[in-house]
Amino acid sequence: MKVLVVAHESEFVGGANRALFSILEYWTKHQLVEYEVLLPSAEGACIDTLNKMGIRYHVVNYYRVFSELIFWMDCAT
């Protein structure tokens, strides 16, 4: 099975990416799924971790949930 994993941040903000990376580690260890990761930015701790784990990824500039939400919340106050 081939899977495209979409991460909404290139950083470890909150627990979502930490949980996602636990799944990726499991898949890699047990070779259950062939996958690649899609990220919204070429910078961040997730990129470093993917490189260390030898996981293939792609960067496409798309809406980042937490970053944009925090920006808009700051503007509203």
PDB file of N, CA and C in Angstrom:
ATOM      1  N   MET A   1       0.846  -1.167   0.000  1.00  0.00           N
ATOM      2  CA  MET A   1       0.000   0.000   0.000  1.00  0.00           C
ATOM      3  C   MET A   1       0.896   1.235   0.000  1.00  0.00           C
ATOM      4  N   LYS A   2       0.517   2.251  -0.786  1.00  0.00           N
ATOM      5  CA  LYS A   2       1.242   3.519  -0.831  1.00  0.00           C
ATOM      6  C   LYS A   2       0.383   4.601  -0.186  1.00  0.00           C
ATOM      7  N   VAL A   3       1.032   5.428   0.655  1.00  0.00           N
ATOM      8  CA  VAL A   3       0.313   6.453   1.394  1.00  0.00           C
ATOM      9  C   VAL A   3       1.051   7.781   1.288  1.00  0.00           C
ATOM     10  N   LEU A   4       0.305   8.854   1.083  1.00  0.00           N
ATOM     11  CA  LEU A   4       0.856  10.201   1.181  1.00  0.00           C
ATOM     12  C   LEU A   4       0.403  10.750   2.525  1.00  0.00           C
ATOM     13  N   VAL A   5       1.348  11.007   3.399  1.00  0.00           N
ATOM     14  CA  VAL A   5       1.062  11.514   4.739  1.00  0.00           C
ATOM     15  C   VAL A   5       1.152  13.038   4.685  1.00  0.00           C
ATOM     16  N   VAL A   6       0.089  13.723   5.078  1.00  0.00           N
ATOM     17  CA  VAL A   6       0.061  15.186   5.043  1.00  0.00           C
ATOM     18  C   VAL A   6       0.198  15.712   6.463  1.00  0.00           C
ATOM     19  N   ALA A   7       1.280  16.440   6.709  1.00  0.00           N
ATOM     20  CA  ALA A   7       1.495  17.078   8.006  1.00  0.00           C
ATOM     21  C   ALA A   7       1.097  18.544   7.867  1.00  0.00           C
ATOM     22  N   HIS A   8       0.387  19.054   8.853  1.00  0.00           N
ATOM     23  CA  HIS A   8      -0.097  20.430   8.775  1.00  0.00           C
ATOM     24  C   HIS A   8       0.916  21.443   9.268  1.00  0.00           C
ATOM     25  N   GLU A   9       2.001  20.999   9.834  1.00  0.00           N
ATOM     26  CA  GLU A   9       3.068  21.866  10.324  1.00  0.00           C
ATOM     27  C   GLU A   9       4.405  21.202  10.054  1.00  0.00           C
ATOM     28  N   SER A  10       5.452  22.020   9.929  1.00  0.00           N
ATOM     29  CA  SER A  10       6.815  21.499   9.788  1.00  0.00           C
ATOM     30  C   SER A  10       7.548  21.533  11.122  1.00  0.00           C
ATOM     31  N   GLU A  11       6.833  21.882  12.159  1.00  0.00           N
ATOM     32  CA  GLU A  11       7.365  21.919  13.522  1.00  0.00           C
ATOM     33  C   GLU A  11       6.565  20.933  14.372  1.00  0.00           C
ATOM     34  N   PHE A  12       7.064  20.671  15.562  1.00  0.00           N
ATOM     35  CA  PHE A  12       6.326  19.843  16.511  1.00  0.00           C
ATOM     36  C   PHE A  12       5.509  20.770  17.410  1.00  0.00           C
ATOM     37  N   VAL A  13       4.387  21.249  16.880  1.00  0.00           N
ATOM     38  CA  VAL A  13       3.480  22.130  17.613  1.00  0.00           C
ATOM     39  C   VAL A  13       2.367  21.246  18.174  1.00  0.00           C
ATOM     40  N   GLY A  14       2.227  21.235  19.472  1.00  0.00           N
ATOM     41  CA  GLY A  14       1.210  20.372  20.065  1.00  0.00           C
ATOM     42  C   GLY A  14       1.590  18.912  19.915  1.00  0.00           C
ATOM     43  N   GLY A  15       0.612  18.040  19.960  1.00  0.00           N
ATOM     44  CA  GLY A  15       0.890  16.611  19.934  1.00  0.00           C
ATOM     45  C   GLY A  15       0.614  15.903  18.625  1.00  0.00           C
ATOM     46  N   ALA A  16      -0.013  16.587  17.674  1.00  0.00           N
ATOM     47  CA  ALA A  16      -0.407  15.918  16.427  1.00  0.00           C
ATOM     48  C   ALA A  16       0.794  15.375  15.658  1.00  0.00           C
ATOM     49  N   ASN A  17       1.808  16.201  15.447  1.00  0.00           N
ATOM     50  CA  ASN A  17       2.975  15.725  14.696  1.00  0.00           C
ATOM     51  C   ASN A  17       3.769  14.700  15.491  1.00  0.00           C
ATOM     52  N   ARG A  18       3.782  14.817  16.807  1.00  0.00           N
ATOM     53  CA  ARG A  18       4.471  13.808  17.620  1.00  0.00           C
ATOM     54  C   ARG A  18       3.783  12.442  17.448  1.00  0.00           C
ATOM     55  N   ALA A  19       2.466  12.444  17.468  1.00  0.00           N
ATOM     56  CA  ALA A  19       1.713  11.201  17.258  1.00  0.00           C
ATOM     57  C   ALA A  19       1.937  10.675  15.842  1.00  0.00           C
ATOM     58  N   LEU A  20       1.921  11.574  14.876  1.00  0.00           N
ATOM     59  CA  LEU A  20       2.154  11.191  13.483  1.00  0.00           C
ATOM     60  C   LEU A  20       3.527  10.530  13.325  1.00  0.00           C
ATOM     61  N   PHE A  21       4.544  11.104  13.958  1.00  0.00           N
ATOM     62  CA  PHE A  21       5.884  10.544  13.832  1.00  0.00           C
ATOM     63  C   PHE A  21       6.006   9.205  14.547  1.00  0.00           C
ATOM     64  N   SER A  22       5.224   8.981  15.558  1.00  0.00           N
ATOM     65  CA  SER A  22       5.192   7.655  16.193  1.00  0.00           C
ATOM     66  C   SER A  22       4.665   6.613  15.215  1.00  0.00           C
ATOM     67  N   ILE A  23       3.647   6.987  14.471  1.00  0.00           N
ATOM     68  CA  ILE A  23       3.096   6.088  13.447  1.00  0.00           C
ATOM     69  C   ILE A  23       4.133   5.838  12.360  1.00  0.00           C
ATOM     70  N   LEU A  24       4.813   6.895  11.909  1.00  0.00           N
ATOM     71  CA  LEU A  24       5.838   6.737  10.870  1.00  0.00           C
ATOM     72  C   LEU A  24       6.966   5.827  11.342  1.00  0.00           C
ATOM     73  N   GLU A  25       7.378   5.975  12.590  1.00  0.00           N
ATOM     74  CA  GLU A  25       8.416   5.095  13.141  1.00  0.00           C
ATOM     75  C   GLU A  25       7.951   3.636  13.128  1.00  0.00           C
ATOM     76  N   TYR A  26       6.712   3.413  13.500  1.00  0.00           N
ATOM     77  CA  TYR A  26       6.156   2.056  13.515  1.00  0.00           C
ATOM     78  C   TYR A  26       6.117   1.474  12.100  1.00  0.00           C
ATOM     79  N   TRP A  27       5.605   2.269  11.151  1.00  0.00           N
ATOM     80  CA  TRP A  27       5.542   1.800   9.763  1.00  0.00           C
ATOM     81  C   TRP A  27       6.927   1.485   9.226  1.00  0.00           C
ATOM     82  N   THR A  28       7.902   2.339   9.548  1.00  0.00           N
ATOM     83  CA  THR A  28       9.267   2.134   9.061  1.00  0.00           C
ATOM     84  C   THR A  28       9.866   0.867   9.670  1.00  0.00           C
ATOM     85  N   LYS A  29       9.697   0.709  10.964  1.00  0.00           N
ATOM     86  CA  LYS A  29      10.264  -0.455  11.664  1.00  0.00           C
ATOM     87  C   LYS A  29       9.685  -1.759  11.144  1.00  0.00           C
ATOM     88  N   HIS A  30       8.390  -1.782  10.908  1.00  0.00           N
ATOM     89  CA  HIS A  30       7.718  -3.016  10.503  1.00  0.00           C
ATOM     90  C   HIS A  30       7.497  -3.123   8.993  1.00  0.00           C
ATOM     91  N   GLN A  31       7.902  -2.105   8.249  1.00  0.00           N
ATOM     92  CA  GLN A  31       7.783  -2.068   6.784  1.00  0.00           C
ATOM     93  C   GLN A  31       6.385  -2.456   6.324  1.00  0.00           C
ATOM     94  N   LEU A  32       5.390  -1.857   6.972  1.00  0.00           N
ATOM     95  CA  LEU A  32       3.999  -2.176   6.658  1.00  0.00           C
ATOM     96  C   LEU A  32       3.458  -1.371   5.488  1.00  0.00           C
ATOM     97  N   VAL A  33       3.952  -0.154   5.324  1.00  0.00           N
ATOM     98  CA  VAL A  33       3.385   0.774   4.357  1.00  0.00           C
ATOM     99  C   VAL A  33       4.516   1.499   3.643  1.00  0.00           C
ATOM    100  N   GLU A  34       4.350   1.719   2.357  1.00  0.00           N
ATOM    101  CA  GLU A  34       5.271   2.562   1.602  1.00  0.00           C
ATOM    102  C   GLU A  34       4.672   3.972   1.623  1.00  0.00           C
ATOM    103  N   TYR A  35       5.426   4.937   2.093  1.00  0.00           N
ATOM    104  CA  TYR A  35       4.846   6.267   2.256  1.00  0.00           C
ATOM    105  C   TYR A  35       5.862   7.380   2.021  1.00  0.00           C
ATOM    106  N   GLU A  36       5.339   8.561   1.781  1.00  0.00           N
ATOM    107  CA  GLU A  36       6.105   9.799   1.705  1.00  0.00           C
ATOM    108  C   GLU A  36       5.305  10.848   2.460  1.00  0.00           C
ATOM    109  N   VAL A  37       5.987  11.898   2.911  1.00  0.00           N
ATOM    110  CA  VAL A  37       5.354  12.914   3.747  1.00  0.00           C
ATOM    111  C   VAL A  37       5.302  14.232   2.993  1.00  0.00           C
ATOM    112  N   LEU A  38       4.188  14.925   3.116  1.00  0.00           N
ATOM    113  CA  LEU A  38       4.000  16.248   2.526  1.00  0.00           C
ATOM    114  C   LEU A  38       4.008  17.274   3.653  1.00  0.00           C
ATOM    115  N   LEU A  39       4.838  18.318   3.516  1.00  0.00           N
ATOM    116  CA  LEU A  39       4.976  19.351   4.540  1.00  0.00           C
ATOM    117  C   LEU A  39       4.781  20.737   3.932  1.00  0.00           C
ATOM    118  N   PRO A  40       4.338  21.716   4.745  1.00  0.00           N
ATOM    119  CA  PRO A  40       4.083  23.061   4.225  1.00  0.00           C
ATOM    120  C   PRO A  40       5.302  23.980   4.206  1.00  0.00           C
ATOM    121  N   SER A  41       6.424  23.563   4.780  1.00  0.00           N
ATOM    122  CA  SER A  41       7.592  24.434   4.849  1.00  0.00           C
ATOM    123  C   SER A  41       8.860  23.594   4.826  1.00  0.00           C
ATOM    124  N   ALA A  42       9.915  24.134   4.228  1.00  0.00           N
ATOM    125  CA  ALA A  42      11.188  23.415   4.133  1.00  0.00           C
ATOM    126  C   ALA A  42      12.051  23.600   5.371  1.00  0.00           C
ATOM    127  N   GLU A  43      11.536  24.307   6.370  1.00  0.00           N
ATOM    128  CA  GLU A  43      12.287  24.543   7.598  1.00  0.00           C
ATOM    129  C   GLU A  43      11.486  24.019   8.785  1.00  0.00           C
ATOM    130  N   GLY A  44      12.190  23.493   9.774  1.00  0.00           N
ATOM    131  CA  GLY A  44      11.507  23.057  10.981  1.00  0.00           C
ATOM    132  C   GLY A  44      12.047  21.745  11.498  1.00  0.00           C
ATOM    133  N   ALA A  45      11.671  21.450  12.720  1.00  0.00           N
ATOM    134  CA  ALA A  45      12.143  20.243  13.401  1.00  0.00           C
ATOM    135  C   ALA A  45      11.679  18.962  12.704  1.00  0.00           C
ATOM    136  N   CYS A  46      10.510  19.002  12.075  1.00  0.00           N
ATOM    137  CA  CYS A  46      10.020  17.812  11.367  1.00  0.00           C
ATOM    138  C   CYS A  46      10.935  17.445  10.207  1.00  0.00           C
ATOM    139  N   ILE A  47      11.417  18.454   9.492  1.00  0.00           N
ATOM    140  CA  ILE A  47      12.334  18.209   8.369  1.00  0.00           C
ATOM    141  C   ILE A  47      13.601  17.526   8.884  1.00  0.00           C
ATOM    142  N   ASP A  48      14.146  18.053   9.978  1.00  0.00           N
ATOM    143  CA  ASP A  48      15.352  17.464  10.563  1.00  0.00           C
ATOM    144  C   ASP A  48      15.118  16.012  10.958  1.00  0.00           C
ATOM    145  N   THR A  49      13.980  15.749  11.576  1.00  0.00           N
ATOM    146  CA  THR A  49      13.655  14.391  12.021  1.00  0.00           C
ATOM    147  C   THR A  49      13.464  13.453  10.834  1.00  0.00           C
ATOM    148  N   LEU A  50      12.771  13.922   9.792  1.00  0.00           N
ATOM    149  CA  LEU A  50      12.587  13.091   8.597  1.00  0.00           C
ATOM    150  C   LEU A  50      13.929  12.744   7.962  1.00  0.00           C
ATOM    151  N   ASN A  51      14.822  13.722   7.894  1.00  0.00           N
ATOM    152  CA  ASN A  51      16.155  13.460   7.334  1.00  0.00           C
ATOM    153  C   ASN A  51      16.899  12.418   8.163  1.00  0.00           C
ATOM    154  N   LYS A  52      16.841  12.551   9.485  1.00  0.00           N
ATOM    155  CA  LYS A  52      17.523  11.586  10.366  1.00  0.00           C
ATOM    156  C   LYS A  52      16.931  10.183  10.212  1.00  0.00           C
ATOM    157  N   MET A  53      15.613  10.121  10.001  1.00  0.00           N
ATOM    158  CA  MET A  53      14.939   8.820   9.864  1.00  0.00           C
ATOM    159  C   MET A  53      15.055   8.246   8.451  1.00  0.00           C
ATOM    160  N   GLY A  54      15.559   9.060   7.511  1.00  0.00           N
ATOM    161  CA  GLY A  54      15.690   8.599   6.131  1.00  0.00           C
ATOM    162  C   GLY A  54      14.365   8.496   5.399  1.00  0.00           C
ATOM    163  N   ILE A  55      13.404   9.314   5.800  1.00  0.00           N
ATOM    164  CA  ILE A  55      12.072   9.284   5.199  1.00  0.00           C
ATOM    165  C   ILE A  55      11.975  10.326   4.100  1.00  0.00           C
ATOM    166  N   ARG A  56      11.441   9.914   2.973  1.00  0.00           N
ATOM    167  CA  ARG A  56      11.285  10.805   1.831  1.00  0.00           C
ATOM    168  C   ARG A  56      10.116  11.771   2.073  1.00  0.00           C
ATOM    169  N   TYR A  57      10.327  13.049   1.731  1.00  0.00           N
ATOM    170  CA  TYR A  57       9.283  14.053   1.935  1.00  0.00           C
ATOM    171  C   TYR A  57       9.274  15.060   0.795  1.00  0.00           C
ATOM    172  N   HIS A  58       8.182  15.795   0.713  1.00  0.00           N
ATOM    173  CA  HIS A  58       8.005  16.851  -0.291  1.00  0.00           C
ATOM    174  C   HIS A  58       7.496  18.084   0.431  1.00  0.00           C
ATOM    175  N   VAL A  59       7.899  19.233  -0.065  1.00  0.00           N
ATOM    176  CA  VAL A  59       7.446  20.494   0.526  1.00  0.00           C
ATOM    177  C   VAL A  59       6.589  21.226  -0.500  1.00  0.00           C
ATOM    178  N   VAL A  60       5.377  21.557  -0.089  1.00  0.00           N
ATOM    179  CA  VAL A  60       4.445  22.315  -0.922  1.00  0.00           C
ATOM    180  C   VAL A  60       3.858  23.387  -0.014  1.00  0.00           C
ATOM    181  N   ASN A  61       3.916  24.635  -0.452  1.00  0.00           N
ATOM    182  CA  ASN A  61       3.417  25.725   0.371  1.00  0.00           C
ATOM    183  C   ASN A  61       1.891  25.678   0.408  1.00  0.00           C
ATOM    184  N   TYR A  62       1.336  25.289   1.531  1.00  0.00           N
ATOM    185  CA  TYR A  62      -0.108  25.257   1.707  1.00  0.00           C
ATOM    186  C   TYR A  62      -0.467  25.800   3.080  1.00  0.00           C
ATOM    187  N   TYR A  63      -1.720  26.002   3.317  1.00  0.00           N
ATOM    188  CA  TYR A  63      -2.228  26.605   4.548  1.00  0.00           C
ATOM    189  C   TYR A  63      -1.793  25.805   5.768  1.00  0.00           C
ATOM    190  N   ARG A  64      -1.133  26.482   6.689  1.00  0.00           N
ATOM    191  CA  ARG A  64      -0.677  25.840   7.925  1.00  0.00           C
ATOM    192  C   ARG A  64      -1.643  26.211   9.046  1.00  0.00           C
ATOM    193  N   VAL A  65      -2.301  25.245   9.572  1.00  0.00           N
ATOM    194  CA  VAL A  65      -3.410  25.456  10.505  1.00  0.00           C
ATOM    195  C   VAL A  65      -3.017  26.292  11.715  1.00  0.00           C
ATOM    196  N   PHE A  66      -2.076  25.843  12.527  1.00  0.00           N
ATOM    197  CA  PHE A  66      -1.764  26.528  13.772  1.00  0.00           C
ATOM    198  C   PHE A  66      -1.120  27.889  13.546  1.00  0.00           C
ATOM    199  N   SER A  67      -0.179  27.985  12.634  1.00  0.00           N
ATOM    200  CA  SER A  67       0.510  29.256  12.399  1.00  0.00           C
ATOM    201  C   SER A  67      -0.456  30.332  11.963  1.00  0.00           C
ATOM    202  N   GLU A  68      -1.307  30.007  10.996  1.00  0.00           N
ATOM    203  CA  GLU A  68      -2.248  30.992  10.476  1.00  0.00           C
ATOM    204  C   GLU A  68      -3.308  31.338  11.513  1.00  0.00           C
ATOM    205  N   LEU A  69      -3.768  30.359  12.273  1.00  0.00           N
ATOM    206  CA  LEU A  69      -4.778  30.601  13.290  1.00  0.00           C
ATOM    207  C   LEU A  69      -4.236  31.547  14.368  1.00  0.00           C
ATOM    208  N   ILE A  70      -3.029  31.295  14.819  1.00  0.00           N
ATOM    209  CA  ILE A  70      -2.417  32.152  15.838  1.00  0.00           C
ATOM    210  C   ILE A  70      -2.224  33.557  15.297  1.00  0.00           C
ATOM    211  N   PHE A  71      -1.791  33.684  14.040  1.00  0.00           N
ATOM    212  CA  PHE A  71      -1.613  35.001  13.421  1.00  0.00           C
ATOM    213  C   PHE A  71      -2.933  35.767  13.418  1.00  0.00           C
ATOM    214  N   TRP A  72      -4.005  35.105  12.991  1.00  0.00           N
ATOM    215  CA  TRP A  72      -5.301  35.779  12.905  1.00  0.00           C
ATOM    216  C   TRP A  72      -5.866  36.096  14.286  1.00  0.00           C
ATOM    217  N   MET A  73      -5.610  35.253  15.263  1.00  0.00           N
ATOM    218  CA  MET A  73      -6.062  35.533  16.623  1.00  0.00           C
ATOM    219  C   MET A  73      -5.325  36.747  17.195  1.00  0.00           C
ATOM    220  N   ASP A  74      -4.021  36.853  16.905  1.00  0.00           N
ATOM    221  CA  ASP A  74      -3.257  38.006  17.367  1.00  0.00           C
ATOM    222  C   ASP A  74      -3.743  39.291  16.723  1.00  0.00           C
ATOM    223  N   CYS A  75      -4.117  39.229  15.456  1.00  0.00           N
ATOM    224  CA  CYS A  75      -4.589  40.410  14.745  1.00  0.00           C
ATOM    225  C   CYS A  75      -5.946  40.876  15.277  1.00  0.00           C
ATOM    226  N   ALA A  76      -6.743  39.948  15.759  1.00  0.00           N
ATOM    227  CA  ALA A  76      -8.087  40.272  16.212  1.00  0.00           C
ATOM    228  C   ALA A  76      -8.093  40.954  17.582  1.00  0.00           C
ATOM    229  N   THR A  77      -6.984  40.825  18.319  1.00  0.00           N
ATOM    230  CA  THR A  77      -6.965  41.413  19.672  1.00  0.00           C
ATOM    231  C   THR A  77      -6.370  42.803  19.681  1.00  0.00           C
TER     232      THR A  77
END
